[in-house]
Amino acid sequence: MHTGRGVRGLIADRIDTCVGLPRLTPLEQTAPWVLGAFDLRGDLVPVIGLGVLHGEPIPWAAAADLVLVVVAAGFPLALHSARPVRIEPLSQSAPRWDRAHLQARASARGWLGYMDLSQLALTARNVGGYADAERRLAQFEQRLSAQALNRLEQRARRYGDFAGPSPVASRTPTPAQQR
């Protein structure tokens, strides 16, 4: 995924889907990088701003933005992207969690390394002057017109009404995953 500082590789259990940015709902008592959440086939999916996680300001939303929905530690998580997403498998010859293989690409220009999404903490007390969830979401959406917000609303309704079982809801997390 691209951030303002470079490209970061992400490790997730699997990729669920990539969809256009829907209208988000603020989530109280979440970390500053949680932009909001939306309903995807009955699952509440938090949307993460990776740049914000790494110290960048909250981005501005655009109707053309994407969210990549992944499964991390058995739960859905969406990553906000203002650019197309590049997906490539890890080397077939390297074991899945071979950290030496992962760090070997860290020397490439603009490459920031890998991040294990199952280790990401979504909740946090509101400390350090971070805006509350409503204000963060308003800041994220501030440049959208009424027409663009309407488009995001339509997407949110469509994703929530999607027919079919959720691949995430069918999985019961283990006690280790519920930590």
N, C-alpha and C. Protein backbone atom coordinates (compact mmCIF):
# COMPACT_ATOMS: atom_id res chain seq x y z
N MET A 1 0.85 -1.17 0.00
CA MET A 1 0.00 0.00 0.00
C MET A 1 0.90 1.23 0.00
N HIS A 2 0.43 2.27 -0.70
CA HIS A 2 1.15 3.54 -0.74
C HIS A 2 0.75 4.41 0.44
N THR A 3 1.71 5.05 1.07
CA THR A 3 1.45 6.11 2.03
C THR A 3 2.24 7.32 1.53
N GLY A 4 2.10 8.44 2.20
CA GLY A 4 2.82 9.63 1.77
C GLY A 4 4.33 9.46 1.83
N ARG A 5 4.81 8.54 2.65
CA ARG A 5 6.25 8.36 2.84
C ARG A 5 6.85 7.27 1.98
N GLY A 6 6.02 6.40 1.41
CA GLY A 6 6.55 5.29 0.61
C GLY A 6 5.56 4.14 0.53
N VAL A 7 6.09 2.98 0.21
CA VAL A 7 5.26 1.79 0.03
C VAL A 7 5.50 0.84 1.19
N ARG A 8 4.42 0.32 1.76
CA ARG A 8 4.51 -0.62 2.87
C ARG A 8 3.81 -1.91 2.49
N GLY A 9 4.49 -3.03 2.70
CA GLY A 9 3.89 -4.34 2.49
C GLY A 9 3.10 -4.75 3.72
N LEU A 10 1.98 -5.40 3.52
CA LEU A 10 1.10 -5.78 4.62
C LEU A 10 0.91 -7.28 4.66
N ILE A 11 0.98 -7.84 5.85
CA ILE A 11 0.74 -9.26 6.02
C ILE A 11 -0.63 -9.44 6.64
N ALA A 12 -1.48 -10.19 5.98
CA ALA A 12 -2.82 -10.46 6.47
C ALA A 12 -3.11 -11.94 6.25
N ASP A 13 -4.12 -12.46 6.96
CA ASP A 13 -4.49 -13.86 6.77
C ASP A 13 -4.92 -14.10 5.33
N ARG A 14 -5.71 -13.16 4.79
CA ARG A 14 -6.12 -13.25 3.39
C ARG A 14 -6.78 -11.93 2.98
N ILE A 15 -6.93 -11.75 1.68
CA ILE A 15 -7.63 -10.59 1.15
C ILE A 15 -9.07 -11.02 0.90
N ASP A 16 -10.01 -10.22 1.39
CA ASP A 16 -11.43 -10.53 1.20
C ASP A 16 -11.94 -9.87 -0.06
N THR A 17 -11.78 -8.55 -0.17
CA THR A 17 -12.30 -7.83 -1.33
C THR A 17 -11.70 -6.43 -1.38
N CYS A 18 -11.86 -5.78 -2.50
CA CYS A 18 -11.48 -4.38 -2.65
C CYS A 18 -12.71 -3.65 -3.18
N VAL A 19 -13.15 -2.62 -2.50
CA VAL A 19 -14.37 -1.91 -2.88
C VAL A 19 -14.12 -0.41 -2.88
N GLY A 20 -15.02 0.32 -3.53
CA GLY A 20 -14.96 1.77 -3.48
C GLY A 20 -15.29 2.25 -2.08
N LEU A 21 -14.70 3.35 -1.69
CA LEU A 21 -14.92 3.90 -0.35
C LEU A 21 -16.40 4.13 -0.10
N PRO A 22 -16.97 3.54 0.96
CA PRO A 22 -18.36 3.83 1.33
C PRO A 22 -18.40 4.96 2.36
N ARG A 23 -19.58 5.42 2.69
CA ARG A 23 -19.75 6.40 3.77
C ARG A 23 -19.46 5.69 5.08
N LEU A 24 -18.63 6.28 5.89
CA LEU A 24 -18.19 5.66 7.14
C LEU A 24 -18.98 6.16 8.33
N THR A 25 -18.99 5.37 9.37
CA THR A 25 -19.57 5.72 10.66
C THR A 25 -18.43 5.86 11.64
N PRO A 26 -18.43 6.91 12.48
CA PRO A 26 -17.34 7.05 13.44
C PRO A 26 -17.40 5.96 14.51
N LEU A 27 -16.24 5.53 14.97
CA LEU A 27 -16.14 4.54 16.05
C LEU A 27 -15.48 5.21 17.24
N GLU A 28 -16.22 5.36 18.33
CA GLU A 28 -15.68 5.99 19.53
C GLU A 28 -14.62 5.11 20.18
N GLN A 29 -13.74 5.73 20.93
CA GLN A 29 -12.68 5.07 21.68
C GLN A 29 -11.79 4.19 20.80
N THR A 30 -11.49 4.71 19.62
CA THR A 30 -10.57 4.01 18.74
C THR A 30 -9.31 4.84 18.55
N ALA A 31 -8.30 4.18 18.05
CA ALA A 31 -7.02 4.84 17.81
C ALA A 31 -7.18 5.91 16.72
N PRO A 32 -6.29 6.89 16.69
CA PRO A 32 -6.41 8.00 15.73
C PRO A 32 -6.37 7.56 14.27
N TRP A 33 -5.81 6.41 13.97
CA TRP A 33 -5.72 5.95 12.59
C TRP A 33 -6.96 5.20 12.12
N VAL A 34 -7.95 5.01 13.00
CA VAL A 34 -9.22 4.41 12.60
C VAL A 34 -10.11 5.54 12.08
N LEU A 35 -10.29 5.57 10.77
CA LEU A 35 -11.05 6.66 10.14
C LEU A 35 -12.54 6.52 10.37
N GLY A 36 -13.02 5.33 10.54
CA GLY A 36 -14.44 5.04 10.73
C GLY A 36 -14.66 3.57 10.42
N ALA A 37 -15.93 3.21 10.21
CA ALA A 37 -16.26 1.81 9.91
C ALA A 37 -17.47 1.77 8.99
N PHE A 38 -17.67 0.61 8.36
CA PHE A 38 -18.86 0.40 7.54
C PHE A 38 -19.29 -1.05 7.65
N ASP A 39 -20.52 -1.31 7.24
CA ASP A 39 -21.10 -2.65 7.29
C ASP A 39 -20.86 -3.33 5.95
N LEU A 40 -20.16 -4.46 5.99
CA LEU A 40 -19.92 -5.25 4.79
C LEU A 40 -20.50 -6.64 5.02
N ARG A 41 -21.64 -6.90 4.41
CA ARG A 41 -22.31 -8.20 4.52
C ARG A 41 -22.53 -8.63 5.97
N GLY A 42 -22.89 -7.68 6.80
CA GLY A 42 -23.19 -7.98 8.19
C GLY A 42 -22.02 -7.87 9.15
N ASP A 43 -20.82 -7.60 8.65
CA ASP A 43 -19.65 -7.41 9.51
C ASP A 43 -19.32 -5.94 9.61
N LEU A 44 -19.07 -5.46 10.83
CA LEU A 44 -18.61 -4.09 11.03
C LEU A 44 -17.13 -4.08 10.72
N VAL A 45 -16.72 -3.31 9.69
CA VAL A 45 -15.34 -3.31 9.22
C VAL A 45 -14.71 -1.95 9.50
N PRO A 46 -13.75 -1.88 10.43
CA PRO A 46 -13.04 -0.61 10.66
C PRO A 46 -12.14 -0.28 9.48
N VAL A 47 -12.04 1.01 9.15
CA VAL A 47 -11.20 1.47 8.05
C VAL A 47 -9.99 2.19 8.65
N ILE A 48 -8.81 1.71 8.26
CA ILE A 48 -7.55 2.21 8.81
C ILE A 48 -6.87 3.14 7.82
N GLY A 49 -6.35 4.24 8.30
CA GLY A 49 -5.50 5.12 7.51
C GLY A 49 -4.05 4.79 7.83
N LEU A 50 -3.37 4.05 6.96
CA LEU A 50 -2.00 3.64 7.25
C LEU A 50 -1.05 4.82 7.40
N GLY A 51 -1.26 5.87 6.61
CA GLY A 51 -0.41 7.04 6.75
C GLY A 51 -0.54 7.66 8.13
N VAL A 52 -1.77 7.74 8.64
CA VAL A 52 -2.01 8.31 9.96
C VAL A 52 -1.32 7.45 11.02
N LEU A 53 -1.36 6.14 10.84
CA LEU A 53 -0.69 5.23 11.76
C LEU A 53 0.80 5.54 11.85
N HIS A 54 1.37 6.02 10.76
CA HIS A 54 2.81 6.31 10.73
C HIS A 54 3.12 7.80 10.81
N GLY A 55 2.21 8.56 11.42
CA GLY A 55 2.50 9.95 11.73
C GLY A 55 2.11 10.98 10.70
N GLU A 56 1.45 10.58 9.62
CA GLU A 56 1.01 11.54 8.62
C GLU A 56 -0.34 12.14 9.04
N PRO A 57 -0.71 13.30 8.50
CA PRO A 57 -2.02 13.86 8.83
C PRO A 57 -3.15 13.03 8.23
N ILE A 58 -4.34 13.21 8.77
CA ILE A 58 -5.51 12.50 8.25
C ILE A 58 -5.70 12.90 6.78
N PRO A 59 -5.83 11.92 5.88
CA PRO A 59 -6.00 12.27 4.45
C PRO A 59 -7.40 12.81 4.21
N TRP A 60 -7.60 13.39 3.05
CA TRP A 60 -8.94 13.80 2.64
C TRP A 60 -9.53 12.72 1.77
N ALA A 61 -10.77 12.42 2.00
CA ALA A 61 -11.45 11.39 1.22
C ALA A 61 -11.80 11.91 -0.16
N ALA A 62 -11.85 10.99 -1.11
CA ALA A 62 -12.33 11.27 -2.47
C ALA A 62 -13.25 10.13 -2.87
N ALA A 63 -14.26 10.44 -3.68
CA ALA A 63 -15.20 9.41 -4.09
C ALA A 63 -14.52 8.28 -4.85
N ALA A 64 -13.35 8.53 -5.43
CA ALA A 64 -12.63 7.50 -6.19
C ALA A 64 -11.71 6.64 -5.32
N ASP A 65 -11.65 6.91 -4.01
CA ASP A 65 -10.80 6.13 -3.12
C ASP A 65 -11.29 4.69 -3.01
N LEU A 66 -10.38 3.83 -2.59
CA LEU A 66 -10.68 2.41 -2.41
C LEU A 66 -10.47 2.01 -0.96
N VAL A 67 -11.08 0.88 -0.58
CA VAL A 67 -10.74 0.23 0.67
C VAL A 67 -10.46 -1.23 0.35
N LEU A 68 -9.34 -1.71 0.83
CA LEU A 68 -8.95 -3.11 0.67
C LEU A 68 -9.33 -3.82 1.95
N VAL A 69 -10.27 -4.77 1.87
CA VAL A 69 -10.73 -5.49 3.05
C VAL A 69 -9.90 -6.78 3.16
N VAL A 70 -9.23 -6.91 4.30
CA VAL A 70 -8.41 -8.09 4.56
C VAL A 70 -8.92 -8.75 5.84
N VAL A 71 -8.49 -9.97 6.06
CA VAL A 71 -8.77 -10.66 7.32
C VAL A 71 -7.46 -10.70 8.09
N ALA A 72 -7.48 -10.18 9.31
CA ALA A 72 -6.29 -10.16 10.16
C ALA A 72 -6.68 -10.73 11.52
N ALA A 73 -6.04 -11.80 11.91
CA ALA A 73 -6.33 -12.50 13.16
C ALA A 73 -7.80 -12.92 13.23
N GLY A 74 -8.38 -13.25 12.08
CA GLY A 74 -9.75 -13.74 12.05
C GLY A 74 -10.82 -12.67 11.95
N PHE A 75 -10.44 -11.41 11.89
CA PHE A 75 -11.41 -10.32 11.86
C PHE A 75 -11.20 -9.45 10.62
N PRO A 76 -12.29 -8.87 10.08
CA PRO A 76 -12.14 -8.01 8.89
C PRO A 76 -11.55 -6.66 9.27
N LEU A 77 -10.75 -6.12 8.36
CA LEU A 77 -10.09 -4.84 8.54
C LEU A 77 -9.96 -4.23 7.16
N ALA A 78 -10.31 -2.96 7.01
CA ALA A 78 -10.21 -2.30 5.71
C ALA A 78 -9.11 -1.25 5.75
N LEU A 79 -8.38 -1.15 4.66
CA LEU A 79 -7.28 -0.20 4.55
C LEU A 79 -7.63 0.84 3.50
N HIS A 80 -7.63 2.10 3.88
CA HIS A 80 -7.95 3.19 2.96
C HIS A 80 -6.81 3.37 1.98
N SER A 81 -7.16 3.55 0.71
CA SER A 81 -6.14 3.79 -0.31
C SER A 81 -6.65 4.83 -1.30
N ALA A 82 -5.85 5.87 -1.50
CA ALA A 82 -6.19 6.88 -2.50
C ALA A 82 -5.62 6.49 -3.86
N ARG A 83 -4.89 5.39 -3.93
CA ARG A 83 -4.27 4.92 -5.18
C ARG A 83 -4.66 3.47 -5.42
N PRO A 84 -4.46 3.01 -6.63
CA PRO A 84 -4.69 1.58 -6.88
C PRO A 84 -3.80 0.73 -5.98
N VAL A 85 -4.30 -0.43 -5.63
CA VAL A 85 -3.59 -1.32 -4.72
C VAL A 85 -2.82 -2.36 -5.53
N ARG A 86 -1.60 -2.62 -5.14
CA ARG A 86 -0.80 -3.65 -5.80
C ARG A 86 -0.75 -4.87 -4.88
N ILE A 87 -1.12 -6.02 -5.42
CA ILE A 87 -1.14 -7.25 -4.63
C ILE A 87 -0.18 -8.23 -5.27
N GLU A 88 0.74 -8.73 -4.46
CA GLU A 88 1.65 -9.75 -4.96
C GLU A 88 1.95 -10.73 -3.83
N PRO A 89 2.10 -12.01 -4.17
CA PRO A 89 2.37 -13.01 -3.13
C PRO A 89 3.80 -12.90 -2.63
N LEU A 90 4.02 -13.40 -1.44
CA LEU A 90 5.39 -13.54 -0.94
C LEU A 90 6.06 -14.62 -1.76
N SER A 91 7.36 -14.63 -1.76
CA SER A 91 8.11 -15.63 -2.51
C SER A 91 7.64 -17.04 -2.14
N GLN A 92 7.42 -17.87 -3.14
CA GLN A 92 6.96 -19.24 -2.90
C GLN A 92 8.03 -20.06 -2.19
N SER A 93 9.29 -19.71 -2.34
CA SER A 93 10.36 -20.50 -1.75
C SER A 93 10.60 -20.18 -0.28
N ALA A 94 10.06 -19.05 0.19
CA ALA A 94 10.30 -18.65 1.57
C ALA A 94 9.13 -19.09 2.46
N PRO A 95 9.42 -19.58 3.65
CA PRO A 95 8.33 -19.89 4.58
C PRO A 95 7.52 -18.63 4.86
N ARG A 96 6.24 -18.79 5.20
CA ARG A 96 5.33 -17.67 5.36
C ARG A 96 5.86 -16.58 6.30
N TRP A 97 6.45 -16.94 7.41
CA TRP A 97 6.86 -15.94 8.39
C TRP A 97 8.37 -15.80 8.49
N ASP A 98 9.08 -16.02 7.41
CA ASP A 98 10.53 -15.88 7.38
C ASP A 98 10.87 -14.40 7.37
N ARG A 99 11.17 -13.85 8.54
CA ARG A 99 11.41 -12.41 8.66
C ARG A 99 12.62 -11.95 7.84
N ALA A 100 13.61 -12.81 7.66
CA ALA A 100 14.78 -12.42 6.86
C ALA A 100 14.35 -12.13 5.43
N HIS A 101 13.45 -12.96 4.89
CA HIS A 101 12.94 -12.74 3.53
C HIS A 101 12.19 -11.41 3.47
N LEU A 102 11.38 -11.13 4.50
CA LEU A 102 10.59 -9.90 4.49
C LEU A 102 11.48 -8.66 4.54
N GLN A 103 12.52 -8.71 5.34
CA GLN A 103 13.38 -7.55 5.49
C GLN A 103 14.31 -7.35 4.30
N ALA A 104 14.51 -8.37 3.48
CA ALA A 104 15.42 -8.25 2.34
C ALA A 104 14.97 -7.17 1.37
N ARG A 105 13.64 -6.93 1.28
CA ARG A 105 13.15 -5.90 0.37
C ARG A 105 13.18 -4.51 0.98
N ALA A 106 13.49 -4.42 2.26
CA ALA A 106 13.45 -3.13 2.93
C ALA A 106 14.46 -2.14 2.37
N SER A 107 15.47 -2.62 1.67
CA SER A 107 16.49 -1.72 1.14
C SER A 107 16.08 -1.05 -0.17
N ALA A 108 14.99 -1.51 -0.79
CA ALA A 108 14.54 -0.91 -2.05
C ALA A 108 14.10 0.53 -1.82
N ARG A 109 14.33 1.40 -2.80
CA ARG A 109 14.01 2.83 -2.69
C ARG A 109 12.51 3.03 -2.46
N GLY A 110 12.15 3.78 -1.43
CA GLY A 110 10.76 4.05 -1.11
C GLY A 110 10.06 2.91 -0.40
N TRP A 111 10.75 1.82 -0.16
CA TRP A 111 10.15 0.66 0.49
C TRP A 111 10.27 0.82 2.00
N LEU A 112 9.14 0.72 2.71
CA LEU A 112 9.14 0.94 4.16
C LEU A 112 9.15 -0.35 4.95
N GLY A 113 9.06 -1.50 4.27
CA GLY A 113 9.05 -2.77 4.99
C GLY A 113 7.63 -3.32 5.13
N TYR A 114 7.53 -4.38 5.88
CA TYR A 114 6.25 -5.07 6.07
C TYR A 114 5.65 -4.77 7.43
N MET A 115 4.33 -4.92 7.50
CA MET A 115 3.60 -4.70 8.74
C MET A 115 2.61 -5.85 8.91
N ASP A 116 2.63 -6.48 10.07
CA ASP A 116 1.72 -7.59 10.37
C ASP A 116 0.42 -7.00 10.92
N LEU A 117 -0.65 -7.04 10.13
CA LEU A 117 -1.91 -6.41 10.52
C LEU A 117 -2.58 -7.08 11.71
N SER A 118 -2.25 -8.34 11.98
CA SER A 118 -2.86 -9.01 13.12
C SER A 118 -2.36 -8.43 14.45
N GLN A 119 -1.29 -7.65 14.41
CA GLN A 119 -0.73 -7.03 15.62
C GLN A 119 -1.24 -5.60 15.85
N LEU A 120 -2.09 -5.11 14.98
CA LEU A 120 -2.55 -3.72 15.04
C LEU A 120 -3.62 -3.54 16.12
N ALA A 121 -3.40 -2.64 17.05
CA ALA A 121 -4.39 -2.34 18.10
C ALA A 121 -5.32 -1.24 17.60
N LEU A 122 -6.61 -1.49 17.63
CA LEU A 122 -7.58 -0.52 17.10
C LEU A 122 -8.12 0.42 18.16
N THR A 123 -8.07 0.03 19.41
CA THR A 123 -8.65 0.87 20.45
C THR A 123 -7.55 1.65 21.16
N ALA A 124 -7.92 2.83 21.61
CA ALA A 124 -6.97 3.67 22.34
C ALA A 124 -7.75 4.76 23.05
N ARG A 125 -7.21 5.20 24.17
CA ARG A 125 -7.82 6.35 24.83
C ARG A 125 -7.49 7.59 24.01
N ASN A 126 -8.35 8.58 24.08
CA ASN A 126 -8.15 9.81 23.33
C ASN A 126 -7.13 10.67 24.07
N VAL A 127 -5.85 10.46 23.72
CA VAL A 127 -4.77 11.20 24.38
C VAL A 127 -3.94 11.91 23.33
N GLY A 128 -3.15 12.84 23.75
CA GLY A 128 -2.23 13.51 22.84
C GLY A 128 -2.89 14.50 21.91
N GLY A 129 -4.11 14.96 22.23
CA GLY A 129 -4.76 15.98 21.42
C GLY A 129 -5.43 15.45 20.16
N TYR A 130 -5.55 14.13 20.01
CA TYR A 130 -6.23 13.60 18.83
C TYR A 130 -7.72 13.92 18.90
N ALA A 131 -8.29 14.25 17.76
CA ALA A 131 -9.70 14.58 17.69
C ALA A 131 -10.54 13.34 17.98
N ASP A 132 -11.74 13.57 18.50
CA ASP A 132 -12.63 12.44 18.73
C ASP A 132 -13.07 11.86 17.39
N ALA A 133 -13.75 10.71 17.44
CA ALA A 133 -14.10 9.98 16.22
C ALA A 133 -14.95 10.81 15.26
N GLU A 134 -15.90 11.56 15.77
CA GLU A 134 -16.75 12.39 14.90
C GLU A 134 -15.92 13.44 14.17
N ARG A 135 -15.02 14.09 14.89
CA ARG A 135 -14.19 15.13 14.28
C ARG A 135 -13.19 14.55 13.29
N ARG A 136 -12.63 13.36 13.61
CA ARG A 136 -11.71 12.71 12.66
C ARG A 136 -12.42 12.40 11.36
N LEU A 137 -13.64 11.86 11.46
CA LEU A 137 -14.39 11.51 10.25
C LEU A 137 -14.77 12.77 9.47
N ALA A 138 -15.17 13.82 10.17
CA ALA A 138 -15.50 15.08 9.50
C ALA A 138 -14.27 15.64 8.77
N GLN A 139 -13.10 15.54 9.40
CA GLN A 139 -11.88 16.02 8.76
C GLN A 139 -11.57 15.18 7.52
N PHE A 140 -11.76 13.86 7.61
CA PHE A 140 -11.52 12.96 6.49
C PHE A 140 -12.43 13.30 5.31
N GLU A 141 -13.69 13.65 5.59
CA GLU A 141 -14.69 13.88 4.53
C GLU A 141 -14.83 15.35 4.14
N GLN A 142 -14.03 16.25 4.68
CA GLN A 142 -14.28 17.68 4.52
C GLN A 142 -14.27 18.19 3.08
N ARG A 143 -13.57 17.56 2.18
CA ARG A 143 -13.52 18.05 0.80
C ARG A 143 -14.56 17.41 -0.12
N LEU A 144 -15.37 16.53 0.41
CA LEU A 144 -16.38 15.85 -0.41
C LEU A 144 -17.60 16.75 -0.59
N SER A 145 -18.12 16.78 -1.79
CA SER A 145 -19.35 17.53 -2.08
C SER A 145 -20.55 16.71 -1.60
N ALA A 146 -21.72 17.32 -1.59
CA ALA A 146 -22.94 16.61 -1.23
C ALA A 146 -23.18 15.44 -2.19
N GLN A 147 -22.86 15.64 -3.46
CA GLN A 147 -23.04 14.58 -4.45
C GLN A 147 -22.09 13.41 -4.16
N ALA A 148 -20.86 13.70 -3.81
CA ALA A 148 -19.90 12.64 -3.49
C ALA A 148 -20.31 11.90 -2.22
N LEU A 149 -20.78 12.63 -1.21
CA LEU A 149 -21.25 11.97 0.01
C LEU A 149 -22.44 11.07 -0.28
N ASN A 150 -23.32 11.50 -1.18
CA ASN A 150 -24.47 10.68 -1.57
C ASN A 150 -23.99 9.39 -2.24
N ARG A 151 -22.96 9.51 -3.07
CA ARG A 151 -22.41 8.31 -3.73
C ARG A 151 -21.85 7.34 -2.69
N LEU A 152 -21.15 7.86 -1.67
CA LEU A 152 -20.62 7.01 -0.62
C LEU A 152 -21.75 6.34 0.17
N GLU A 153 -22.84 7.10 0.40
CA GLU A 153 -24.01 6.52 1.09
C GLU A 153 -24.59 5.36 0.29
N GLN A 154 -24.71 5.54 -1.02
CA GLN A 154 -25.25 4.47 -1.87
C GLN A 154 -24.37 3.24 -1.83
N ARG A 155 -23.06 3.43 -1.85
CA ARG A 155 -22.15 2.30 -1.75
C ARG A 155 -22.32 1.57 -0.42
N ALA A 156 -22.42 2.33 0.66
CA ALA A 156 -22.56 1.72 1.98
C ALA A 156 -23.82 0.87 2.04
N ARG A 157 -24.91 1.36 1.47
CA ARG A 157 -26.15 0.56 1.45
C ARG A 157 -25.96 -0.70 0.62
N ARG A 158 -25.30 -0.57 -0.52
CA ARG A 158 -25.09 -1.73 -1.40
C ARG A 158 -24.20 -2.78 -0.72
N TYR A 159 -23.12 -2.37 -0.08
CA TYR A 159 -22.23 -3.33 0.55
C TYR A 159 -22.92 -4.03 1.71
N GLY A 160 -23.72 -3.28 2.47
CA GLY A 160 -24.42 -3.87 3.61
C GLY A 160 -25.53 -4.81 3.17
N ASP A 161 -26.12 -4.57 1.99
CA ASP A 161 -27.21 -5.40 1.50
C ASP A 161 -26.73 -6.54 0.64
N PHE A 162 -25.42 -6.68 0.48
CA PHE A 162 -24.86 -7.71 -0.38
C PHE A 162 -25.38 -9.09 0.03
N ALA A 163 -25.91 -9.83 -0.92
CA ALA A 163 -26.45 -11.15 -0.61
C ALA A 163 -25.31 -12.16 -0.49
N GLY A 164 -25.42 -13.01 0.46
CA GLY A 164 -24.42 -14.07 0.62
C GLY A 164 -23.79 -14.01 1.99
N PRO A 165 -23.34 -15.16 2.45
CA PRO A 165 -22.72 -15.20 3.78
C PRO A 165 -21.36 -14.54 3.78
N SER A 166 -21.02 -13.98 4.90
CA SER A 166 -19.71 -13.37 5.06
C SER A 166 -18.67 -14.45 5.30
N PRO A 167 -17.55 -14.40 4.58
CA PRO A 167 -16.50 -15.38 4.83
C PRO A 167 -15.88 -15.21 6.21
N VAL A 168 -16.02 -14.03 6.81
CA VAL A 168 -15.43 -13.78 8.11
C VAL A 168 -16.35 -14.28 9.22
N ALA A 169 -17.66 -14.05 9.09
CA ALA A 169 -18.60 -14.40 10.14
C ALA A 169 -18.64 -15.90 10.39
N SER A 170 -18.30 -16.69 9.39
CA SER A 170 -18.35 -18.13 9.54
C SER A 170 -17.17 -18.67 10.36
N ARG A 171 -16.17 -17.84 10.60
CA ARG A 171 -15.01 -18.28 11.36
C ARG A 171 -15.14 -17.86 12.81
N THR A 172 -14.98 -18.78 13.72
CA THR A 172 -14.97 -18.46 15.13
C THR A 172 -13.52 -18.27 15.56
N PRO A 173 -13.18 -17.08 16.06
CA PRO A 173 -11.79 -16.85 16.44
C PRO A 173 -11.38 -17.70 17.63
N THR A 174 -10.14 -18.11 17.63
CA THR A 174 -9.59 -18.86 18.74
C THR A 174 -9.36 -17.90 19.91
N PRO A 175 -9.23 -18.43 21.14
CA PRO A 175 -8.96 -17.53 22.27
C PRO A 175 -7.71 -16.66 22.06
N ALA A 176 -6.69 -17.21 21.40
CA ALA A 176 -5.48 -16.41 21.13
C ALA A 176 -5.77 -15.24 20.22
N GLN A 177 -6.71 -15.42 19.26
CA GLN A 177 -7.04 -14.34 18.33
C GLN A 177 -7.91 -13.28 19.00
N GLN A 178 -8.60 -13.63 20.05
CA GLN A 178 -9.50 -12.67 20.71
C GLN A 178 -8.79 -11.73 21.65
N ARG A 179 -7.49 -11.88 21.83
CA ARG A 179 -6.74 -11.03 22.77
C ARG A 179 -6.88 -9.58 22.50
